[in-house]
N, C-alpha and C. Protein backbone atom coordinates (compact mmCIF):
# COMPACT_ATOMS: atom_id res chain seq x y z
N MET A 1 59.57 -17.34 4.51
CA MET A 1 58.71 -16.37 5.12
C MET A 1 58.05 -15.99 3.76
N SER A 2 57.80 -16.69 2.76
CA SER A 2 57.02 -16.51 2.01
C SER A 2 55.54 -17.01 1.86
N ARG A 3 55.68 -18.34 2.91
CA ARG A 3 54.23 -19.25 3.62
C ARG A 3 53.94 -18.63 4.61
N VAL A 4 54.31 -17.53 5.58
CA VAL A 4 53.88 -17.67 6.64
C VAL A 4 53.73 -16.05 5.90
N LEU A 5 53.54 -15.11 4.98
CA LEU A 5 53.22 -14.18 4.52
C LEU A 5 51.81 -14.57 3.48
N GLU A 6 52.00 -15.53 3.09
CA GLU A 6 50.79 -16.49 2.53
C GLU A 6 49.38 -16.05 3.40
N PHE A 7 49.96 -17.27 4.62
CA PHE A 7 49.11 -17.19 5.91
C PHE A 7 48.73 -16.29 6.50
N LEU A 8 49.68 -15.11 6.92
CA LEU A 8 49.32 -13.98 7.34
C LEU A 8 48.22 -13.35 6.06
N LEU A 9 48.06 -13.21 4.75
CA LEU A 9 47.09 -11.96 3.88
C LEU A 9 46.22 -13.13 3.83
N GLY A 10 46.25 -15.10 3.62
CA GLY A 10 45.63 -15.29 3.72
C GLY A 10 43.97 -14.53 5.00
N SER A 11 44.51 -15.11 6.07
CA SER A 11 43.64 -14.62 7.27
C SER A 11 43.34 -13.62 7.45
N ILE A 12 44.23 -12.37 7.02
CA ILE A 12 43.37 -10.77 7.48
C ILE A 12 41.89 -11.36 6.21
N LEU A 13 42.18 -11.57 4.96
CA LEU A 13 41.83 -11.54 4.01
C LEU A 13 39.74 -12.39 4.57
N ILE A 14 39.65 -13.54 5.31
CA ILE A 14 39.37 -14.22 5.63
C ILE A 14 38.13 -13.35 7.04
N THR A 15 38.77 -13.08 7.61
CA THR A 15 38.30 -11.76 8.90
C THR A 15 37.66 -10.63 8.29
N VAL A 16 38.24 -10.07 6.91
CA VAL A 16 37.93 -9.04 6.46
C VAL A 16 36.15 -9.22 6.36
N PHE A 17 36.22 -10.54 5.22
CA PHE A 17 35.07 -11.00 4.72
C PHE A 17 34.26 -11.70 5.89
N THR A 18 34.29 -11.79 6.30
CA THR A 18 33.10 -12.40 8.07
C THR A 18 32.75 -11.40 8.87
N VAL A 19 33.76 -10.63 8.39
CA VAL A 19 33.28 -8.91 9.19
C VAL A 19 32.02 -8.21 8.60
N ALA A 20 32.82 -7.99 6.68
CA ALA A 20 31.91 -7.33 6.42
C ALA A 20 30.30 -8.23 5.99
N PHE A 21 30.22 -9.51 6.16
CA PHE A 21 29.38 -10.32 6.52
C PHE A 21 28.65 -9.94 7.25
N LEU A 22 28.98 -10.64 8.51
CA LEU A 22 28.23 -10.02 9.49
C LEU A 22 27.99 -7.66 9.12
N PHE A 23 28.48 -7.21 9.03
CA PHE A 23 28.17 -5.96 8.71
C PHE A 23 26.53 -5.99 8.15
N PHE A 24 26.62 -6.73 6.87
CA PHE A 24 25.45 -6.49 5.94
C PHE A 24 24.51 -7.95 7.02
N SER A 25 24.66 -8.36 6.82
CA SER A 25 23.48 -8.95 8.08
C SER A 25 22.89 -8.51 8.40
N ALA A 26 23.25 -7.54 9.69
CA ALA A 26 22.78 -7.04 10.79
C ALA A 26 22.12 -5.77 10.08
N VAL A 27 22.82 -5.56 9.29
CA VAL A 27 22.43 -4.19 8.37
C VAL A 27 20.87 -4.77 7.88
N HIS A 28 20.62 -5.73 6.89
CA HIS A 28 19.45 -6.04 6.83
C HIS A 28 18.26 -6.78 8.08
N TYR A 29 18.56 -7.15 8.79
CA TYR A 29 17.87 -7.44 9.72
C TYR A 29 17.24 -6.15 10.31
N ILE A 30 18.17 -5.29 10.36
CA ILE A 30 17.91 -4.02 11.37
C ILE A 30 16.78 -2.47 10.52
N LEU A 31 16.97 -3.34 8.78
CA LEU A 31 16.14 -2.85 7.59
C LEU A 31 15.17 -3.62 7.80
N ARG A 32 15.00 -4.38 7.75
CA ARG A 32 13.73 -5.68 8.11
C ARG A 32 12.72 -4.94 9.06
N ALA A 33 13.49 -5.81 10.31
CA ALA A 33 13.04 -5.28 11.26
C ALA A 33 11.95 -3.70 11.92
N GLU A 34 12.95 -2.66 11.05
CA GLU A 34 12.02 -1.15 10.69
C GLU A 34 10.91 -1.22 9.70
N GLY A 35 10.67 -2.15 8.98
CA GLY A 35 9.64 -2.50 7.75
C GLY A 35 10.15 -1.17 6.81
N VAL A 36 11.42 -1.15 6.54
CA VAL A 36 12.24 -0.48 5.18
C VAL A 36 11.49 -0.69 4.13
N THR A 37 11.58 -2.23 4.42
CA THR A 37 12.05 -3.17 3.24
C THR A 37 10.66 -3.54 2.33
N ASP A 38 9.55 -2.87 2.33
CA ASP A 38 8.20 -2.37 1.62
C ASP A 38 8.91 -1.45 -0.04
N CYS A 39 7.60 -3.07 -0.91
CA CYS A 39 8.49 -2.57 -2.20
C CYS A 39 6.97 -2.07 -3.07
N THR A 40 7.60 -0.96 -3.98
CA THR A 40 6.23 -0.25 -4.62
C THR A 40 6.27 -0.73 -6.33
N TRP A 41 4.95 -1.33 -6.75
CA TRP A 41 5.09 -2.24 -7.91
C TRP A 41 4.17 -1.13 -8.46
N TYR A 42 4.56 -1.25 -9.92
CA TYR A 42 4.05 0.25 -10.75
C TYR A 42 3.29 -1.01 -11.94
N ALA A 43 1.96 0.27 -13.02
CA ALA A 43 1.65 -0.23 -13.72
C ALA A 43 0.92 0.27 -14.26
N SER A 44 0.17 0.32 -15.85
CA SER A 44 -0.70 1.37 -16.19
C SER A 44 -2.00 0.69 -16.85
N ALA A 45 -3.14 0.97 -16.98
CA ALA A 45 -4.34 0.64 -17.56
C ALA A 45 -4.30 1.59 -18.72
N ARG A 46 -4.96 1.14 -19.61
CA ARG A 46 -5.57 1.82 -21.02
C ARG A 46 -6.88 1.02 -21.19
N THR A 47 -7.79 1.86 -21.27
CA THR A 47 -9.13 1.67 -21.50
C THR A 47 -9.17 1.94 -23.73
N TRP A 48 -10.05 1.65 -24.36
CA TRP A 48 -10.47 2.26 -25.67
C TRP A 48 -12.11 1.93 -25.99
N ILE A 49 -12.54 1.86 -26.93
CA ILE A 49 -13.47 2.25 -27.66
C ILE A 49 -12.99 0.89 -28.36
N ASP A 50 -13.29 0.06 -29.12
CA ASP A 50 -12.92 -1.16 -29.64
C ASP A 50 -14.35 -0.63 -30.53
N PHE A 51 -14.09 -0.55 -31.92
CA PHE A 51 -14.79 -0.34 -32.90
C PHE A 51 -15.39 -1.60 -32.91
N ASN A 52 -14.24 -2.64 -33.68
CA ASN A 52 -14.61 -3.75 -34.73
C ASN A 52 -14.45 -4.80 -34.05
N GLU A 53 -14.84 -4.70 -31.86
CA GLU A 53 -14.91 -5.18 -30.79
C GLU A 53 -14.49 -7.10 -30.93
N ASP A 54 -13.01 -6.78 -31.39
CA ASP A 54 -11.86 -7.88 -31.56
C ASP A 54 -11.29 -8.08 -30.16
N GLY A 55 -11.67 -7.39 -29.02
CA GLY A 55 -10.61 -7.52 -27.83
C GLY A 55 -9.36 -6.82 -28.14
N HIS A 56 -8.48 -6.16 -29.31
CA HIS A 56 -7.17 -5.96 -29.67
C HIS A 56 -7.27 -4.56 -29.57
N PHE A 57 -7.06 -3.96 -29.02
CA PHE A 57 -6.42 -2.58 -29.15
C PHE A 57 -5.98 -2.19 -30.83
N ASN A 58 -6.33 -1.18 -31.41
CA ASN A 58 -5.97 -1.22 -33.21
C ASN A 58 -5.91 0.25 -33.55
N SER A 59 -5.29 0.06 -34.23
CA SER A 59 -4.96 1.80 -34.51
C SER A 59 -6.13 2.72 -35.32
N GLY A 60 -6.45 3.40 -34.65
CA GLY A 60 -7.87 4.32 -34.85
C GLY A 60 -8.67 4.44 -33.73
N GLU A 61 -9.03 3.06 -33.01
CA GLU A 61 -9.84 3.37 -31.65
C GLU A 61 -9.39 3.95 -30.60
N ALA A 62 -10.30 4.75 -30.29
CA ALA A 62 -10.20 5.71 -29.92
C ALA A 62 -9.94 6.62 -28.42
N PRO A 63 -9.70 6.65 -27.17
CA PRO A 63 -9.69 6.17 -26.16
C PRO A 63 -10.89 5.96 -25.16
N LEU A 64 -11.29 5.56 -23.67
CA LEU A 64 -12.29 5.82 -23.05
C LEU A 64 -11.66 6.06 -22.00
N ARG A 65 -12.59 7.65 -21.35
CA ARG A 65 -12.10 8.36 -20.19
C ARG A 65 -12.82 8.38 -19.23
N ASP A 66 -12.46 8.61 -18.42
CA ASP A 66 -13.43 8.27 -16.79
C ASP A 66 -13.87 7.08 -16.42
N VAL A 67 -12.98 5.84 -16.97
CA VAL A 67 -13.21 4.60 -15.94
C VAL A 67 -12.50 4.25 -15.26
N LYS A 68 -13.46 3.84 -14.36
CA LYS A 68 -12.69 3.41 -12.85
C LYS A 68 -11.79 2.50 -13.23
N VAL A 69 -10.80 2.29 -12.35
CA VAL A 69 -10.17 1.40 -12.78
C VAL A 69 -9.31 0.42 -11.16
N HIS A 70 -9.84 -0.44 -10.64
CA HIS A 70 -9.37 -1.04 -9.27
C HIS A 70 -8.22 -1.88 -9.18
N VAL A 71 -7.59 -1.85 -7.78
CA VAL A 71 -6.81 -3.59 -7.80
C VAL A 71 -7.34 -4.08 -6.08
N ALA A 72 -7.59 -5.09 -6.95
CA ALA A 72 -7.94 -5.74 -4.90
C ALA A 72 -6.52 -7.03 -5.08
N ASP A 73 -6.84 -7.33 -3.73
CA ASP A 73 -5.76 -8.66 -3.53
C ASP A 73 -6.76 -9.82 -2.86
N LEU A 74 -5.72 -10.74 -4.03
CA LEU A 74 -6.68 -11.95 -4.31
C LEU A 74 -6.11 -12.49 -3.04
N GLN A 75 -4.85 -12.76 -3.16
CA GLN A 75 -4.32 -14.05 -1.79
C GLN A 75 -4.19 -13.68 -0.87
N ASN A 76 -4.41 -12.80 -0.27
CA ASN A 76 -4.49 -12.27 0.93
C ASN A 76 -6.25 -11.95 1.57
N GLN A 77 -6.80 -12.11 0.68
CA GLN A 77 -7.84 -11.90 0.72
C GLN A 77 -8.99 -10.44 1.17
N LEU A 78 -8.05 -9.38 0.90
CA LEU A 78 -8.14 -8.14 1.21
C LEU A 78 -9.60 -8.13 0.42
N ALA A 79 -10.42 -6.21 0.88
CA ALA A 79 -10.80 -5.36 -0.53
C ALA A 79 -10.10 -4.78 -1.24
N ASP A 80 -10.39 -3.42 -1.49
CA ASP A 80 -9.81 -3.27 -3.14
C ASP A 80 -8.60 -2.52 -2.02
N LEU A 81 -7.41 -2.32 -3.02
CA LEU A 81 -6.04 -2.09 -1.84
C LEU A 81 -6.31 -0.59 -2.21
N SER A 82 -6.71 -0.36 -2.90
CA SER A 82 -6.68 1.23 -3.28
C SER A 82 -8.58 1.86 -3.78
N TRP A 83 -8.41 3.44 -3.37
CA TRP A 83 -9.37 4.02 -4.02
C TRP A 83 -8.95 3.47 -5.63
N PRO A 84 -10.86 3.32 -6.67
CA PRO A 84 -10.22 3.64 -8.02
C PRO A 84 -9.75 4.38 -8.73
N ALA A 85 -8.84 3.79 -9.36
CA ALA A 85 -8.23 5.68 -9.95
C ALA A 85 -8.95 5.15 -11.34
N ILE A 86 -8.97 6.37 -12.28
CA ILE A 86 -9.32 6.96 -13.93
C ILE A 86 -8.93 7.48 -14.00
N THR A 87 -9.47 6.99 -15.56
CA THR A 87 -8.73 7.36 -16.49
C THR A 87 -8.59 8.40 -17.27
N ASP A 88 -7.82 9.33 -18.03
CA ASP A 88 -7.60 10.28 -17.95
C ASP A 88 -7.78 10.45 -19.66
N PRO A 89 -8.09 11.69 -19.95
CA PRO A 89 -8.95 11.97 -21.31
C PRO A 89 -7.78 11.03 -22.94
N THR A 90 -6.72 10.35 -22.09
CA THR A 90 -6.51 9.10 -22.97
C THR A 90 -6.56 8.20 -22.77
N GLY A 91 -6.89 7.76 -21.83
CA GLY A 91 -7.91 6.53 -21.72
C GLY A 91 -6.75 5.57 -20.91
N GLN A 92 -5.90 6.23 -20.29
CA GLN A 92 -4.77 5.65 -19.45
C GLN A 92 -4.79 5.84 -17.74
N VAL A 93 -4.44 4.94 -17.24
CA VAL A 93 -4.33 5.70 -15.73
C VAL A 93 -3.13 4.73 -15.14
N GLN A 94 -2.42 5.31 -14.15
CA GLN A 94 -1.53 5.08 -13.68
C GLN A 94 -1.70 4.05 -12.11
N LEU A 95 -1.04 2.57 -12.06
CA LEU A 95 -1.52 2.03 -11.11
C LEU A 95 -0.15 2.08 -10.00
N SER A 96 -0.76 2.08 -9.14
CA SER A 96 0.46 1.69 -7.87
C SER A 96 0.08 1.31 -6.78
N LEU A 97 1.14 0.22 -6.84
CA LEU A 97 0.70 -0.65 -5.26
C LEU A 97 1.81 -0.96 -3.81
N SER A 98 1.47 -0.61 -2.77
CA SER A 98 2.47 -0.56 -2.10
C SER A 98 1.90 -2.61 -1.19
N ILE A 99 3.78 -2.26 -1.44
CA ILE A 99 3.17 -4.59 -0.64
C ILE A 99 4.17 -4.31 0.20
N PRO A 100 3.89 -4.38 1.58
CA PRO A 100 4.46 -4.47 2.88
C PRO A 100 5.34 -5.52 2.95
N GLY A 101 6.73 -5.91 2.85
CA GLY A 101 7.49 -6.55 3.07
C GLY A 101 7.91 -7.56 1.82
N CYS A 102 7.57 -6.43 0.95
CA CYS A 102 7.94 -7.13 -0.41
C CYS A 102 7.86 -8.72 -0.70
N VAL A 103 6.65 -9.11 -0.28
CA VAL A 103 5.62 -10.33 -0.26
C VAL A 103 5.02 -10.51 -1.38
N ASP A 104 5.69 -12.02 -1.88
CA ASP A 104 4.76 -12.31 -2.99
C ASP A 104 3.07 -12.49 -2.85
N THR A 105 2.32 -11.80 -3.93
CA THR A 105 1.71 -11.58 -3.42
C THR A 105 0.44 -11.49 -5.19
N LEU A 106 -0.75 -11.82 -5.50
CA LEU A 106 -1.93 -11.81 -6.37
C LEU A 106 -2.07 -11.04 -5.79
N VAL A 107 -2.32 -10.18 -7.28
CA VAL A 107 -3.72 -8.87 -7.15
C VAL A 107 -4.71 -9.49 -9.07
N GLU A 108 -6.15 -8.26 -8.74
CA GLU A 108 -7.02 -8.28 -9.32
C GLU A 108 -7.04 -6.70 -9.85
N ILE A 109 -7.00 -7.00 -11.31
CA ILE A 109 -6.79 -5.22 -12.05
C ILE A 109 -8.55 -5.67 -13.04
N TYR A 110 -9.34 -4.47 -12.65
CA TYR A 110 -10.76 -5.02 -12.63
C TYR A 110 -11.34 -3.26 -13.10
N VAL A 111 -12.10 -2.65 -14.09
CA VAL A 111 -12.78 -2.01 -14.34
C VAL A 111 -15.01 -2.06 -14.60
N ASP A 112 -15.06 -1.20 -13.54
CA ASP A 112 -16.04 -0.76 -13.55
C ASP A 112 -16.41 -0.58 -15.44
N VAL A 113 -17.46 -1.31 -15.37
CA VAL A 113 -18.06 -0.93 -16.84
C VAL A 113 -18.98 -0.30 -16.95
N PRO A 114 -18.92 1.68 -17.57
CA PRO A 114 -19.24 2.40 -17.95
C PRO A 114 -20.64 2.41 -18.62
N GLU A 115 -22.20 3.10 -18.06
CA GLU A 115 -22.84 3.42 -18.76
C GLU A 115 -23.10 3.76 -20.71
N GLY A 116 -23.81 2.54 -21.17
CA GLY A 116 -24.05 2.43 -22.41
C GLY A 116 -22.94 1.83 -22.85
N TYR A 117 -22.05 1.13 -23.32
CA TYR A 117 -20.53 0.29 -22.85
C TYR A 117 -21.22 -1.34 -22.55
N ARG A 118 -20.35 -2.52 -23.35
CA ARG A 118 -19.79 -3.60 -22.69
C ARG A 118 -18.64 -3.91 -23.01
N ILE A 119 -18.29 -3.96 -22.15
CA ILE A 119 -16.42 -4.77 -22.31
C ILE A 119 -15.91 -6.17 -23.33
N THR A 120 -15.59 -5.23 -24.04
CA THR A 120 -14.69 -6.76 -25.09
C THR A 120 -13.29 -7.69 -25.11
N THR A 121 -12.85 -7.18 -23.38
CA THR A 121 -11.88 -7.82 -23.22
C THR A 121 -12.57 -8.90 -22.08
N ARG A 122 -11.30 -9.35 -21.15
CA ARG A 122 -11.74 -10.03 -20.00
C ARG A 122 -11.77 -9.04 -18.88
N PRO A 123 -13.10 -9.01 -18.23
CA PRO A 123 -13.34 -7.85 -16.92
C PRO A 123 -12.38 -7.90 -16.04
N ARG A 124 -11.55 -8.75 -15.62
CA ARG A 124 -10.67 -9.66 -14.39
C ARG A 124 -9.46 -10.05 -15.12
N LEU A 125 -8.21 -9.36 -14.80
CA LEU A 125 -6.73 -9.60 -14.42
C LEU A 125 -5.81 -9.73 -13.33
N ALA A 126 -5.97 -11.47 -13.43
CA ALA A 126 -5.15 -12.12 -11.82
C ALA A 126 -3.75 -11.38 -12.79
N VAL A 127 -3.13 -10.79 -11.57
CA VAL A 127 -1.79 -10.13 -11.99
C VAL A 127 -0.46 -11.06 -10.73
N GLN A 128 0.62 -11.30 -11.03
CA GLN A 128 1.18 -11.65 -9.67
C GLN A 128 2.68 -10.16 -9.94
N PRO A 129 2.55 -9.25 -9.41
CA PRO A 129 3.40 -8.57 -9.81
C PRO A 129 5.12 -8.81 -9.49
N ASP A 130 5.58 -8.52 -9.95
CA ASP A 130 6.94 -8.79 -9.96
C ASP A 130 7.42 -7.98 -9.73
N ILE A 131 7.95 -7.54 -8.35
CA ILE A 131 8.37 -6.49 -7.66
C ILE A 131 10.03 -6.31 -8.36
N TRP A 132 10.72 -7.12 -8.35
CA TRP A 132 12.04 -7.65 -8.83
C TRP A 132 12.58 -7.65 -9.92
N GLU A 133 11.28 -7.77 -11.02
CA GLU A 133 11.96 -7.28 -12.30
C GLU A 133 12.22 -5.72 -12.76
N SER A 134 12.96 -6.17 -13.67
CA SER A 134 13.42 -4.64 -13.82
C SER A 134 12.21 -3.14 -13.88
N SER A 135 12.79 -2.05 -13.72
CA SER A 135 11.47 -1.24 -13.03
C SER A 135 11.14 -0.57 -14.59
N SER A 136 12.12 -0.36 -15.46
CA SER A 136 12.28 0.35 -17.12
C SER A 136 11.11 -1.05 -17.66
N MET A 137 11.06 -2.02 -17.18
CA MET A 137 10.11 -2.67 -18.16
C MET A 137 8.49 -2.00 -18.40
N GLU A 138 7.60 -1.53 -19.19
CA GLU A 138 6.47 -0.79 -18.87
C GLU A 138 5.30 -2.44 -18.65
N ARG A 139 4.29 -2.38 -17.74
CA ARG A 139 3.29 -2.91 -17.76
C ARG A 139 2.30 -2.43 -18.33
N ILE A 140 1.14 -2.78 -19.20
CA ILE A 140 0.19 -2.20 -19.67
C ILE A 140 -1.22 -3.08 -19.19
N TYR A 141 -2.03 -2.57 -18.68
CA TYR A 141 -3.20 -3.97 -18.83
C TYR A 141 -4.72 -3.25 -19.77
N TYR A 142 -5.00 -3.83 -20.71
CA TYR A 142 -6.14 -3.36 -21.29
C TYR A 142 -7.19 -3.80 -21.20
N PHE A 143 -8.31 -2.51 -21.14
CA PHE A 143 -10.03 -3.16 -20.96
C PHE A 143 -10.43 -2.35 -22.43
N GLY A 144 -10.78 -2.99 -23.62
CA GLY A 144 -11.74 -2.68 -24.41
C GLY A 144 -13.13 -2.53 -24.74
N PHE A 145 -14.57 -2.01 -24.70
CA PHE A 145 -15.37 -1.38 -24.05
C PHE A 145 -15.87 -0.69 -25.64
N ALA A 146 -17.28 -1.88 -26.01
CA ALA A 146 -18.21 -1.15 -27.54
C ALA A 146 -19.15 -0.84 -27.32
N PRO A 147 -19.83 0.36 -27.84
CA PRO A 147 -21.43 0.42 -27.69
C PRO A 147 -22.41 -0.44 -27.11
N GLU A 148 -22.90 -0.67 -26.70
CA GLU A 148 -24.05 -1.42 -26.20
C GLU A 148 -25.02 -0.65 -27.74
N ARG A 149 -25.79 -1.61 -27.98
CA ARG A 149 -26.40 -2.06 -29.26
C ARG A 149 -27.93 -1.51 -28.78
C-alpha cells in the first residue's frame, strides 16, 4: 500500500511541477511578446572644478553647474539616446536609459566642455549597463574641469 501511495504522490508532484513550468513559460512568452520586458538603467554624473588638475574629485573642490551630459549608444550605432541632461547647482545629474528587450548594450557618457574650461578627466566613458545588478548600487561617473589659462 505504501508503494502505491508513493507512486501516486510522486505522480501528482511531477504533474504539478510540469503544469507550473508550462504556465510560467507561457507567461514569460506573452510578456516578452508584448514588449513588457524593457529595462531601465539608472546612473548619475558629477562635474566639478578640478583646482589641482589631478583628475580626481578632492575634498573642497567646487561643483560645476550647467554642464551638458550626454548618453550615446555605441553598440547599435544610434545617435544620442536622450536629450542632454544638465547638471544642477551641486554639479550632479541623474541619468536613465530605457533598454528595449533588456538586451546587452554599450553606451558612452560624455560632456560638453563649458566655455572657459578644459577637461581634466577622460572626456568620454564607455559603459556597459548592467541592468541585472543591484539597483541599490550607486553608479556615479565623474568629469573634472579646470579653468583655462
